[in-house]
Amino acid sequence: GVAVMGRNGYTSYADSVKGRFTISKDNAKNTLYLQMDSLKPEDT
């Protein structure tokens, strides 16, 4: 698991990506996003 967003909007992250990845959701577009910054080879 990398990141999870509950129905109430609460988010949680794996320690390995915390501070670098952000999970978000646009309900109007029915789209989930994962913004990944400062990527590392181990993220492959």
ModelCIF file with pLDDT and N, C-alpha, C, O atoms, coordinates in Angstrom:
data_MODEL
#
_entry.id   MODEL 
#
_entity.id                         1 
_entity.type                       polymer 
_entity.pdbx_number_of_molecules   1 
#
_entity_poly.entity_id                      1 
_entity_poly.type                           'polypeptide(L)' 
_entity_poly.nstd_linkage                   no 
_entity_poly.nstd_monomer                   no 
_entity_poly.pdbx_seq_one_letter_code       GVAVMGRNGYTSYADSVKGRFTISKDNAKNTLYLQMDSLKPEDT 
_entity_poly.pdbx_seq_one_letter_code_can   GVAVMGRNGYTSYADSVKGRFTISKDNAKNTLYLQMDSLKPEDT 
_entity_poly.pdbx_strand_id                 A 
#
loop_
_entity_poly_seq.entity_id 
_entity_poly_seq.num 
_entity_poly_seq.mon_id 
_entity_poly_seq.hetero 
1 1  GLY n 
1 2  VAL n 
1 3  ALA n 
1 4  VAL n 
1 5  MET n 
1 6  GLY n 
1 7  ARG n 
1 8  ASN n 
1 9  GLY n 
1 10 TYR n 
1 11 THR n 
1 12 SER n 
1 13 TYR n 
1 14 ALA n 
1 15 ASP n 
1 16 SER n 
1 17 VAL n 
1 18 LYS n 
1 19 GLY n 
1 20 ARG n 
1 21 PHE n 
1 22 THR n 
1 23 ILE n 
1 24 SER n 
1 25 LYS n 
1 26 ASP n 
1 27 ASN n 
1 28 ALA n 
1 29 LYS n 
1 30 ASN n 
1 31 THR n 
1 32 LEU n 
1 33 TYR n 
1 34 LEU n 
1 35 GLN n 
1 36 MET n 
1 37 ASP n 
1 38 SER n 
1 39 LEU n 
1 40 LYS n 
1 41 PRO n 
1 42 GLU n 
1 43 ASP n 
1 44 THR n 
#
_struct_asym.id          A 
_struct_asym.entity_id   1 
#
loop_
_ma_qa_metric.id 
_ma_qa_metric.mode 
_ma_qa_metric.name 
_ma_qa_metric.software_group_id 
_ma_qa_metric.type 
1 global pLDDT . pLDDT 
2 local  pLDDT . pLDDT 
#
_ma_qa_metric_global.metric_id      1 
_ma_qa_metric_global.metric_value   95.59 
_ma_qa_metric_global.model_id       1 
_ma_qa_metric_global.ordinal_id     1 
#
loop_
_ma_qa_metric_local.label_asym_id 
_ma_qa_metric_local.label_comp_id 
_ma_qa_metric_local.label_seq_id 
_ma_qa_metric_local.metric_id 
_ma_qa_metric_local.metric_value 
_ma_qa_metric_local.model_id 
_ma_qa_metric_local.ordinal_id 
A GLY 1  2 95.00 1 1  
A VAL 2  2 97.00 1 2  
A ALA 3  2 97.00 1 3  
A VAL 4  2 96.00 1 4  
A MET 5  2 95.00 1 5  
A GLY 6  2 92.00 1 6  
A ARG 7  2 87.00 1 7  
A ASN 8  2 85.00 1 8  
A GLY 9  2 88.00 1 9  
A TYR 10 2 93.00 1 10 
A THR 11 2 96.00 1 11 
A SER 12 2 96.00 1 12 
A TYR 13 2 97.00 1 13 
A ALA 14 2 97.00 1 14 
A ASP 15 2 97.00 1 15 
A SER 16 2 97.00 1 16 
A VAL 17 2 98.00 1 17 
A LYS 18 2 97.00 1 18 
A GLY 19 2 98.00 1 19 
A ARG 20 2 98.00 1 20 
A PHE 21 2 98.00 1 21 
A THR 22 2 98.00 1 22 
A ILE 23 2 98.00 1 23 
A SER 24 2 96.00 1 24 
A LYS 25 2 94.00 1 25 
A ASP 26 2 93.00 1 26 
A ASN 27 2 88.00 1 27 
A ALA 28 2 90.00 1 28 
A LYS 29 2 95.00 1 29 
A ASN 30 2 94.00 1 30 
A THR 31 2 96.00 1 31 
A LEU 32 2 97.00 1 32 
A TYR 33 2 98.00 1 33 
A LEU 34 2 98.00 1 34 
A GLN 35 2 98.00 1 35 
A MET 36 2 98.00 1 36 
A ASP 37 2 98.00 1 37 
A SER 38 2 98.00 1 38 
A LEU 39 2 98.00 1 39 
A LYS 40 2 98.00 1 40 
A PRO 41 2 97.00 1 41 
A GLU 42 2 96.00 1 42 
A ASP 43 2 98.00 1 43 
A THR 44 2 98.00 1 44 
#
loop_
_atom_site.group_PDB 
_atom_site.id 
_atom_site.type_symbol 
_atom_site.label_atom_id 
_atom_site.label_alt_id 
_atom_site.label_comp_id 
_atom_site.label_asym_id 
_atom_site.label_entity_id 
_atom_site.label_seq_id 
_atom_site.pdbx_PDB_ins_code 
_atom_site.Cartn_x 
_atom_site.Cartn_y 
_atom_site.Cartn_z 
_atom_site.occupancy 
_atom_site.B_iso_or_equiv 
_atom_site.pdbx_formal_charge 
_atom_site.auth_seq_id 
_atom_site.auth_comp_id 
_atom_site.auth_asym_id 
_atom_site.auth_atom_id 
_atom_site.pdbx_PDB_model_num 
ATOM 1   N N  . GLY A 1 1  ? 0.824   -1.187 0.000   1.00 95.00 ? 1  GLY A N  1 
ATOM 2   C CA . GLY A 1 1  ? 0.000   0.000  0.000   1.00 95.00 ? 1  GLY A CA 1 
ATOM 3   C C  . GLY A 1 1  ? 0.864   1.245  0.000   1.00 95.00 ? 1  GLY A C  1 
ATOM 4   O O  . GLY A 1 1  ? 1.868   1.308  0.709   1.00 95.00 ? 1  GLY A O  1 
ATOM 5   N N  . VAL A 1 2  ? 0.484   2.225  -0.784  1.00 97.00 ? 2  VAL A N  1 
ATOM 6   C CA . VAL A 1 2  ? 1.217   3.478  -0.901  1.00 97.00 ? 2  VAL A CA 1 
ATOM 7   C C  . VAL A 1 2  ? 0.495   4.611  -0.196  1.00 97.00 ? 2  VAL A C  1 
ATOM 8   O O  . VAL A 1 2  ? 1.082   5.311  0.630   1.00 97.00 ? 2  VAL A O  1 
ATOM 9   N N  . ALA A 1 3  ? -0.768  4.792  -0.518  1.00 97.00 ? 3  ALA A N  1 
ATOM 10  C CA . ALA A 1 3  ? -1.549  5.879  0.056   1.00 97.00 ? 3  ALA A CA 1 
ATOM 11  C C  . ALA A 1 3  ? -3.021  5.518  -0.016  1.00 97.00 ? 3  ALA A C  1 
ATOM 12  O O  . ALA A 1 3  ? -3.471  4.911  -0.988  1.00 97.00 ? 3  ALA A O  1 
ATOM 13  N N  . VAL A 1 4  ? -3.762  5.886  1.000   1.00 96.00 ? 4  VAL A N  1 
ATOM 14  C CA . VAL A 1 4  ? -5.189  5.597  1.064   1.00 96.00 ? 4  VAL A CA 1 
ATOM 15  C C  . VAL A 1 4  ? -5.941  6.841  1.522   1.00 96.00 ? 4  VAL A C  1 
ATOM 16  O O  . VAL A 1 4  ? -5.483  7.572  2.399   1.00 96.00 ? 4  VAL A O  1 
ATOM 17  N N  . MET A 1 5  ? -7.087  7.064  0.921   1.00 95.00 ? 5  MET A N  1 
ATOM 18  C CA . MET A 1 5  ? -7.995  8.135  1.325   1.00 95.00 ? 5  MET A CA 1 
ATOM 19  C C  . MET A 1 5  ? -9.337  7.524  1.675   1.00 95.00 ? 5  MET A C  1 
ATOM 20  O O  . MET A 1 5  ? -9.978  6.890  0.836   1.00 95.00 ? 5  MET A O  1 
ATOM 21  N N  . GLY A 1 6  ? -9.759  7.715  2.908   1.00 92.00 ? 6  GLY A N  1 
ATOM 22  C CA . GLY A 1 6  ? -11.049 7.235  3.334   1.00 92.00 ? 6  GLY A CA 1 
ATOM 23  C C  . GLY A 1 6  ? -12.179 8.070  2.763   1.00 92.00 ? 6  GLY A C  1 
ATOM 24  O O  . GLY A 1 6  ? -11.957 9.154  2.225   1.00 92.00 ? 6  GLY A O  1 
ATOM 25  N N  . ARG A 1 7  ? -13.387 7.557  2.883   1.00 87.00 ? 7  ARG A N  1 
ATOM 26  C CA . ARG A 1 7  ? -14.539 8.291  2.374   1.00 87.00 ? 7  ARG A CA 1 
ATOM 27  C C  . ARG A 1 7  ? -14.722 9.629  3.067   1.00 87.00 ? 7  ARG A C  1 
ATOM 28  O O  . ARG A 1 7  ? -15.316 10.549 2.505   1.00 87.00 ? 7  ARG A O  1 
ATOM 29  N N  . ASN A 1 8  ? -14.211 9.740  4.288   1.00 85.00 ? 8  ASN A N  1 
ATOM 30  C CA . ASN A 1 8  ? -14.285 10.995 5.015   1.00 85.00 ? 8  ASN A CA 1 
ATOM 31  C C  . ASN A 1 8  ? -13.162 11.957 4.649   1.00 85.00 ? 8  ASN A C  1 
ATOM 32  O O  . ASN A 1 8  ? -13.079 13.051 5.206   1.00 85.00 ? 8  ASN A O  1 
ATOM 33  N N  . GLY A 1 9  ? -12.292 11.557 3.712   1.00 88.00 ? 9  GLY A N  1 
ATOM 34  C CA . GLY A 1 9  ? -11.198 12.399 3.278   1.00 88.00 ? 9  GLY A CA 1 
ATOM 35  C C  . GLY A 1 9  ? -9.906  12.218 4.046   1.00 88.00 ? 9  GLY A C  1 
ATOM 36  O O  . GLY A 1 9  ? -8.887  12.801 3.676   1.00 88.00 ? 9  GLY A O  1 
ATOM 37  N N  . TYR A 1 10 ? -9.922  11.434 5.094   1.00 93.00 ? 10 TYR A N  1 
ATOM 38  C CA . TYR A 1 10 ? -8.711  11.187 5.868   1.00 93.00 ? 10 TYR A CA 1 
ATOM 39  C C  . TYR A 1 10 ? -7.708  10.412 5.032   1.00 93.00 ? 10 TYR A C  1 
ATOM 40  O O  . TYR A 1 10 ? -8.072  9.437  4.374   1.00 93.00 ? 10 TYR A O  1 
ATOM 41  N N  . THR A 1 11 ? -6.450  10.833 5.049   1.00 96.00 ? 11 THR A N  1 
ATOM 42  C CA . THR A 1 11 ? -5.422  10.205 4.239   1.00 96.00 ? 11 THR A CA 1 
ATOM 43  C C  . THR A 1 11 ? -4.354  9.565  5.106   1.00 96.00 ? 11 THR A C  1 
ATOM 44  O O  . THR A 1 11 ? -4.085  10.017 6.219   1.00 96.00 ? 11 THR A O  1 
ATOM 45  N N  . SER A 1 12 ? -3.756  8.518  4.586   1.00 96.00 ? 12 SER A N  1 
ATOM 46  C CA . SER A 1 12 ? -2.635  7.870  5.242   1.00 96.00 ? 12 SER A CA 1 
ATOM 47  C C  . SER A 1 12 ? -1.660  7.402  4.180   1.00 96.00 ? 12 SER A C  1 
ATOM 48  O O  . SER A 1 12 ? -2.047  7.129  3.044   1.00 96.00 ? 12 SER A O  1 
ATOM 49  N N  . TYR A 1 13 ? -0.387  7.312  4.559   1.00 97.00 ? 13 TYR A N  1 
ATOM 50  C CA . TYR A 1 13 ? 0.673   7.014  3.615   1.00 97.00 ? 13 TYR A CA 1 
ATOM 51  C C  . TYR A 1 13 ? 1.638   5.991  4.176   1.00 97.00 ? 13 TYR A C  1 
ATOM 52  O O  . TYR A 1 13 ? 1.841   5.896  5.386   1.00 97.00 ? 13 TYR A O  1 
ATOM 53  N N  . ALA A 1 14 ? 2.231   5.225  3.268   1.00 97.00 ? 14 ALA A N  1 
ATOM 54  C CA . ALA A 1 14 ? 3.336   4.377  3.658   1.00 97.00 ? 14 ALA A CA 1 
ATOM 55  C C  . ALA A 1 14 ? 4.509   5.255  4.078   1.00 97.00 ? 14 ALA A C  1 
ATOM 56  O O  . ALA A 1 14 ? 4.721   6.328  3.512   1.00 97.00 ? 14 ALA A O  1 
ATOM 57  N N  . ASP A 1 15 ? 5.266   4.802  5.065   1.00 97.00 ? 15 ASP A N  1 
ATOM 58  C CA . ASP A 1 15 ? 6.395   5.590  5.537   1.00 97.00 ? 15 ASP A CA 1 
ATOM 59  C C  . ASP A 1 15 ? 7.387   5.907  4.421   1.00 97.00 ? 15 ASP A C  1 
ATOM 60  O O  . ASP A 1 15 ? 8.021   6.962  4.435   1.00 97.00 ? 15 ASP A O  1 
ATOM 61  N N  . SER A 1 16 ? 7.521   5.007  3.467   1.00 97.00 ? 16 SER A N  1 
ATOM 62  C CA . SER A 1 16 ? 8.501   5.175  2.412   1.00 97.00 ? 16 SER A CA 1 
ATOM 63  C C  . SER A 1 16 ? 8.189   6.330  1.466   1.00 97.00 ? 16 SER A C  1 
ATOM 64  O O  . SER A 1 16 ? 9.083   6.813  0.770   1.00 97.00 ? 16 SER A O  1 
ATOM 65  N N  . VAL A 1 17 ? 6.934   6.781  1.430   1.00 98.00 ? 17 VAL A N  1 
ATOM 66  C CA . VAL A 1 17 ? 6.549   7.851  0.516   1.00 98.00 ? 17 VAL A CA 1 
ATOM 67  C C  . VAL A 1 17 ? 6.052   9.089  1.228   1.00 98.00 ? 17 VAL A C  1 
ATOM 68  O O  . VAL A 1 17 ? 5.783   10.103 0.584   1.00 98.00 ? 17 VAL A O  1 
ATOM 69  N N  . LYS A 1 18 ? 5.925   9.030  2.534   1.00 97.00 ? 18 LYS A N  1 
ATOM 70  C CA . LYS A 1 18 ? 5.395   10.148 3.299   1.00 97.00 ? 18 LYS A CA 1 
ATOM 71  C C  . LYS A 1 18 ? 6.251   11.395 3.090   1.00 97.00 ? 18 LYS A C  1 
ATOM 72  O O  . LYS A 1 18 ? 7.477   11.350 3.197   1.00 97.00 ? 18 LYS A O  1 
ATOM 73  N N  . GLY A 1 19 ? 5.589   12.495 2.792   1.00 98.00 ? 19 GLY A N  1 
ATOM 74  C CA . GLY A 1 19 ? 6.285   13.738 2.528   1.00 98.00 ? 19 GLY A CA 1 
ATOM 75  C C  . GLY A 1 19 ? 6.655   13.945 1.083   1.00 98.00 ? 19 GLY A C  1 
ATOM 76  O O  . GLY A 1 19 ? 7.027   15.053 0.696   1.00 98.00 ? 19 GLY A O  1 
ATOM 77  N N  . ARG A 1 20 ? 6.563   12.901 0.269   1.00 98.00 ? 20 ARG A N  1 
ATOM 78  C CA . ARG A 1 20 ? 6.885   12.994 -1.150  1.00 98.00 ? 20 ARG A CA 1 
ATOM 79  C C  . ARG A 1 20 ? 5.671   12.794 -2.042  1.00 98.00 ? 20 ARG A C  1 
ATOM 80  O O  . ARG A 1 20 ? 5.576   13.411 -3.102  1.00 98.00 ? 20 ARG A O  1 
ATOM 81  N N  . PHE A 1 21 ? 4.745   11.942 -1.629  1.00 98.00 ? 21 PHE A N  1 
ATOM 82  C CA . PHE A 1 21 ? 3.559   11.627 -2.415  1.00 98.00 ? 21 PHE A CA 1 
ATOM 83  C C  . PHE A 1 21 ? 2.329   12.239 -1.763  1.00 98.00 ? 21 PHE A C  1 
ATOM 84  O O  . PHE A 1 21 ? 2.263   12.373 -0.541  1.00 98.00 ? 21 PHE A O  1 
ATOM 85  N N  . THR A 1 22 ? 1.359   12.609 -2.588  1.00 98.00 ? 22 THR A N  1 
ATOM 86  C CA . THR A 1 22 ? 0.100   13.157 -2.100  1.00 98.00 ? 22 THR A CA 1 
ATOM 87  C C  . THR A 1 22 ? -1.061  12.521 -2.844  1.00 98.00 ? 22 THR A C  1 
ATOM 88  O O  . THR A 1 22 ? -1.107  12.547 -4.074  1.00 98.00 ? 22 THR A O  1 
ATOM 89  N N  . ILE A 1 23 ? -1.998  11.953 -2.101  1.00 98.00 ? 23 ILE A N  1 
ATOM 90  C CA . ILE A 1 23 ? -3.198  11.391 -2.702  1.00 98.00 ? 23 ILE A CA 1 
ATOM 91  C C  . ILE A 1 23 ? -4.313  12.428 -2.638  1.00 98.00 ? 23 ILE A C  1 
ATOM 92  O O  . ILE A 1 23 ? -4.468  13.122 -1.633  1.00 98.00 ? 23 ILE A O  1 
ATOM 93  N N  . SER A 1 24 ? -5.076  12.528 -3.699  1.00 96.00 ? 24 SER A N  1 
ATOM 94  C CA . SER A 1 24 ? -6.194  13.460 -3.736  1.00 96.00 ? 24 SER A CA 1 
ATOM 95  C C  . SER A 1 24 ? -7.282  12.891 -4.629  1.00 96.00 ? 24 SER A C  1 
ATOM 96  O O  . SER A 1 24 ? -7.065  11.922 -5.357  1.00 96.00 ? 24 SER A O  1 
ATOM 97  N N  . LYS A 1 25 ? -8.443  13.499 -4.565  1.00 94.00 ? 25 LYS A N  1 
ATOM 98  C CA . LYS A 1 25 ? -9.589  12.994 -5.308  1.00 94.00 ? 25 LYS A CA 1 
ATOM 99  C C  . LYS A 1 25 ? -10.465 14.144 -5.769  1.00 94.00 ? 25 LYS A C  1 
ATOM 100 O O  . LYS A 1 25 ? -10.679 15.110 -5.037  1.00 94.00 ? 25 LYS A O  1 
ATOM 101 N N  . ASP A 1 26 ? -10.965 14.031 -6.978  1.00 93.00 ? 26 ASP A N  1 
ATOM 102 C CA . ASP A 1 26 ? -11.917 14.977 -7.522  1.00 93.00 ? 26 ASP A CA 1 
ATOM 103 C C  . ASP A 1 26 ? -13.204 14.202 -7.775  1.00 93.00 ? 26 ASP A C  1 
ATOM 104 O O  . ASP A 1 26 ? -13.329 13.513 -8.788  1.00 93.00 ? 26 ASP A O  1 
ATOM 105 N N  . ASN A 1 27 ? -14.152 14.312 -6.863  1.00 88.00 ? 27 ASN A N  1 
ATOM 106 C CA . ASN A 1 27 ? -15.391 13.557 -6.995  1.00 88.00 ? 27 ASN A CA 1 
ATOM 107 C C  . ASN A 1 27 ? -16.202 13.983 -8.213  1.00 88.00 ? 27 ASN A C  1 
ATOM 108 O O  . ASN A 1 27 ? -16.880 13.156 -8.823  1.00 88.00 ? 27 ASN A O  1 
ATOM 109 N N  . ALA A 1 28 ? -16.141 15.256 -8.572  1.00 90.00 ? 28 ALA A N  1 
ATOM 110 C CA . ALA A 1 28 ? -16.880 15.745 -9.732  1.00 90.00 ? 28 ALA A CA 1 
ATOM 111 C C  . ALA A 1 28 ? -16.401 15.072 -11.010 1.00 90.00 ? 28 ALA A C  1 
ATOM 112 O O  . ALA A 1 28 ? -17.200 14.799 -11.906 1.00 90.00 ? 28 ALA A O  1 
ATOM 113 N N  . LYS A 1 29 ? -15.108 14.806 -11.098 1.00 95.00 ? 29 LYS A N  1 
ATOM 114 C CA . LYS A 1 29 ? -14.530 14.141 -12.264 1.00 95.00 ? 29 LYS A CA 1 
ATOM 115 C C  . LYS A 1 29 ? -14.401 12.643 -12.074 1.00 95.00 ? 29 LYS A C  1 
ATOM 116 O O  . LYS A 1 29 ? -13.990 11.930 -12.990 1.00 95.00 ? 29 LYS A O  1 
ATOM 117 N N  . ASN A 1 30 ? -14.751 12.161 -10.887 1.00 94.00 ? 30 ASN A N  1 
ATOM 118 C CA . ASN A 1 30 ? -14.598 10.749 -10.552 1.00 94.00 ? 30 ASN A CA 1 
ATOM 119 C C  . ASN A 1 30 ? -13.181 10.270 -10.863 1.00 94.00 ? 30 ASN A C  1 
ATOM 120 O O  . ASN A 1 30 ? -12.973 9.260  -11.536 1.00 94.00 ? 30 ASN A O  1 
ATOM 121 N N  . THR A 1 31 ? -12.226 11.027 -10.352 1.00 96.00 ? 31 THR A N  1 
ATOM 122 C CA . THR A 1 31 ? -10.819 10.747 -10.624 1.00 96.00 ? 31 THR A CA 1 
ATOM 123 C C  . THR A 1 31 ? -10.006 10.822 -9.339  1.00 96.00 ? 31 THR A C  1 
ATOM 124 O O  . THR A 1 31 ? -10.144 11.765 -8.559  1.00 96.00 ? 31 THR A O  1 
ATOM 125 N N  . LEU A 1 32 ? -9.170  9.836  -9.129  1.00 97.00 ? 32 LEU A N  1 
ATOM 126 C CA . LEU A 1 32 ? -8.229  9.786  -8.026  1.00 97.00 ? 32 LEU A CA 1 
ATOM 127 C C  . LEU A 1 32 ? -6.841  10.114 -8.557  1.00 97.00 ? 32 LEU A C  1 
ATOM 128 O O  . LEU A 1 32 ? -6.491  9.711  -9.667  1.00 97.00 ? 32 LEU A O  1 
ATOM 129 N N  . TYR A 1 33 ? -6.048  10.841 -7.775  1.00 98.00 ? 33 TYR A N  1 
ATOM 130 C CA . TYR A 1 33 ? -4.717  11.246 -8.199  1.00 98.00 ? 33 TYR A CA 1 
ATOM 131 C C  . TYR A 1 33 ? -3.667  10.812 -7.188  1.00 98.00 ? 33 TYR A C  1 
ATOM 132 O O  . TYR A 1 33 ? -3.942  10.664 -5.997  1.00 98.00 ? 33 TYR A O  1 
ATOM 133 N N  . LEU A 1 34 ? -2.472  10.614 -7.690  1.00 98.00 ? 34 LEU A N  1 
ATOM 134 C CA . LEU A 1 34 ? -1.308  10.445 -6.834  1.00 98.00 ? 34 LEU A CA 1 
ATOM 135 C C  . LEU A 1 34 ? -0.209  11.344 -7.380  1.00 98.00 ? 34 LEU A C  1 
ATOM 136 O O  . LEU A 1 34 ? 0.390   11.052 -8.415  1.00 98.00 ? 34 LEU A O  1 
ATOM 137 N N  . GLN A 1 35 ? 0.049   12.435 -6.677  1.00 98.00 ? 35 GLN A N  1 
ATOM 138 C CA . GLN A 1 35 ? 1.143   13.321 -7.032  1.00 98.00 ? 35 GLN A CA 1 
ATOM 139 C C  . GLN A 1 35 ? 2.415   12.780 -6.413  1.00 98.00 ? 35 GLN A C  1 
ATOM 140 O O  . GLN A 1 35 ? 2.498   12.625 -5.195  1.00 98.00 ? 35 GLN A O  1 
ATOM 141 N N  . MET A 1 36 ? 3.402   12.492 -7.237  1.00 98.00 ? 36 MET A N  1 
ATOM 142 C CA . MET A 1 36 ? 4.647   11.898 -6.789  1.00 98.00 ? 36 MET A CA 1 
ATOM 143 C C  . MET A 1 36 ? 5.780   12.873 -7.073  1.00 98.00 ? 36 MET A C  1 
ATOM 144 O O  . MET A 1 36 ? 6.071   13.178 -8.230  1.00 98.00 ? 36 MET A O  1 
ATOM 145 N N  . ASP A 1 37 ? 6.409   13.355 -6.028  1.00 98.00 ? 37 ASP A N  1 
ATOM 146 C CA . ASP A 1 37 ? 7.526   14.284 -6.136  1.00 98.00 ? 37 ASP A CA 1 
ATOM 147 C C  . ASP A 1 37 ? 8.781   13.646 -5.563  1.00 98.00 ? 37 ASP A C  1 
ATOM 148 O O  . ASP A 1 37 ? 8.712   12.669 -4.817  1.00 98.00 ? 37 ASP A O  1 
ATOM 149 N N  . SER A 1 38 ? 9.915   14.205 -5.918  1.00 98.00 ? 38 SER A N  1 
ATOM 150 C CA . SER A 1 38 ? 11.207  13.707 -5.432  1.00 98.00 ? 38 SER A CA 1 
ATOM 151 C C  . SER A 1 38 ? 11.328  12.204 -5.628  1.00 98.00 ? 38 SER A C  1 
ATOM 152 O O  . SER A 1 38 ? 11.704  11.472 -4.712  1.00 98.00 ? 38 SER A O  1 
ATOM 153 N N  . LEU A 1 39 ? 11.009  11.764 -6.815  1.00 98.00 ? 39 LEU A N  1 
ATOM 154 C CA . LEU A 1 39 ? 10.999  10.333 -7.095  1.00 98.00 ? 39 LEU A CA 1 
ATOM 155 C C  . LEU A 1 39 ? 12.389  9.729  -6.977  1.00 98.00 ? 39 LEU A C  1 
ATOM 156 O O  . LEU A 1 39 ? 13.395  10.355 -7.311  1.00 98.00 ? 39 LEU A O  1 
ATOM 157 N N  . LYS A 1 40 ? 12.415  8.500  -6.493  1.00 98.00 ? 40 LYS A N  1 
ATOM 158 C CA . LYS A 1 40 ? 13.641  7.746  -6.305  1.00 98.00 ? 40 LYS A CA 1 
ATOM 159 C C  . LYS A 1 40 ? 13.594  6.472  -7.133  1.00 98.00 ? 40 LYS A C  1 
ATOM 160 O O  . LYS A 1 40 ? 12.507  5.985  -7.447  1.00 98.00 ? 40 LYS A O  1 
ATOM 161 N N  . PRO A 1 41 ? 14.750  5.919  -7.496  1.00 97.00 ? 41 PRO A N  1 
ATOM 162 C CA . PRO A 1 41 ? 14.738  4.660  -8.244  1.00 97.00 ? 41 PRO A CA 1 
ATOM 163 C C  . PRO A 1 41 ? 13.940  3.560  -7.553  1.00 97.00 ? 41 PRO A C  1 
ATOM 164 O O  . PRO A 1 41 ? 13.325  2.732  -8.226  1.00 97.00 ? 41 PRO A O  1 
ATOM 165 N N  . GLU A 1 42 ? 13.938  3.536  -6.229  1.00 96.00 ? 42 GLU A N  1 
ATOM 166 C CA . GLU A 1 42 ? 13.195  2.518  -5.512  1.00 96.00 ? 42 GLU A CA 1 
ATOM 167 C C  . GLU A 1 42 ? 11.683  2.694  -5.604  1.00 96.00 ? 42 GLU A C  1 
ATOM 168 O O  . GLU A 1 42 ? 10.933  1.826  -5.158  1.00 96.00 ? 42 GLU A O  1 
ATOM 169 N N  . ASP A 1 43 ? 11.227  3.809  -6.177  1.00 98.00 ? 43 ASP A N  1 
ATOM 170 C CA . ASP A 1 43 ? 9.805   3.991  -6.442  1.00 98.00 ? 43 ASP A CA 1 
ATOM 171 C C  . ASP A 1 43 ? 9.363   3.274  -7.710  1.00 98.00 ? 43 ASP A C  1 
ATOM 172 O O  . ASP A 1 43 ? 8.167   3.193  -7.990  1.00 98.00 ? 43 ASP A O  1 
ATOM 173 N N  . THR A 1 44 ? 10.304  2.759  -8.471  1.00 98.00 ? 44 THR A N  1 
ATOM 174 C CA . THR A 1 44 ? 9.976   2.046  -9.700  1.00 98.00 ? 44 THR A CA 1 
ATOM 175 C C  . THR A 1 44 ? 9.085   0.856  -9.393  1.00 98.00 ? 44 THR A C  1 
ATOM 176 O O  . THR A 1 44 ? 8.697   0.124  -10.303 1.00 98.00 ? 44 THR A O  1 
#
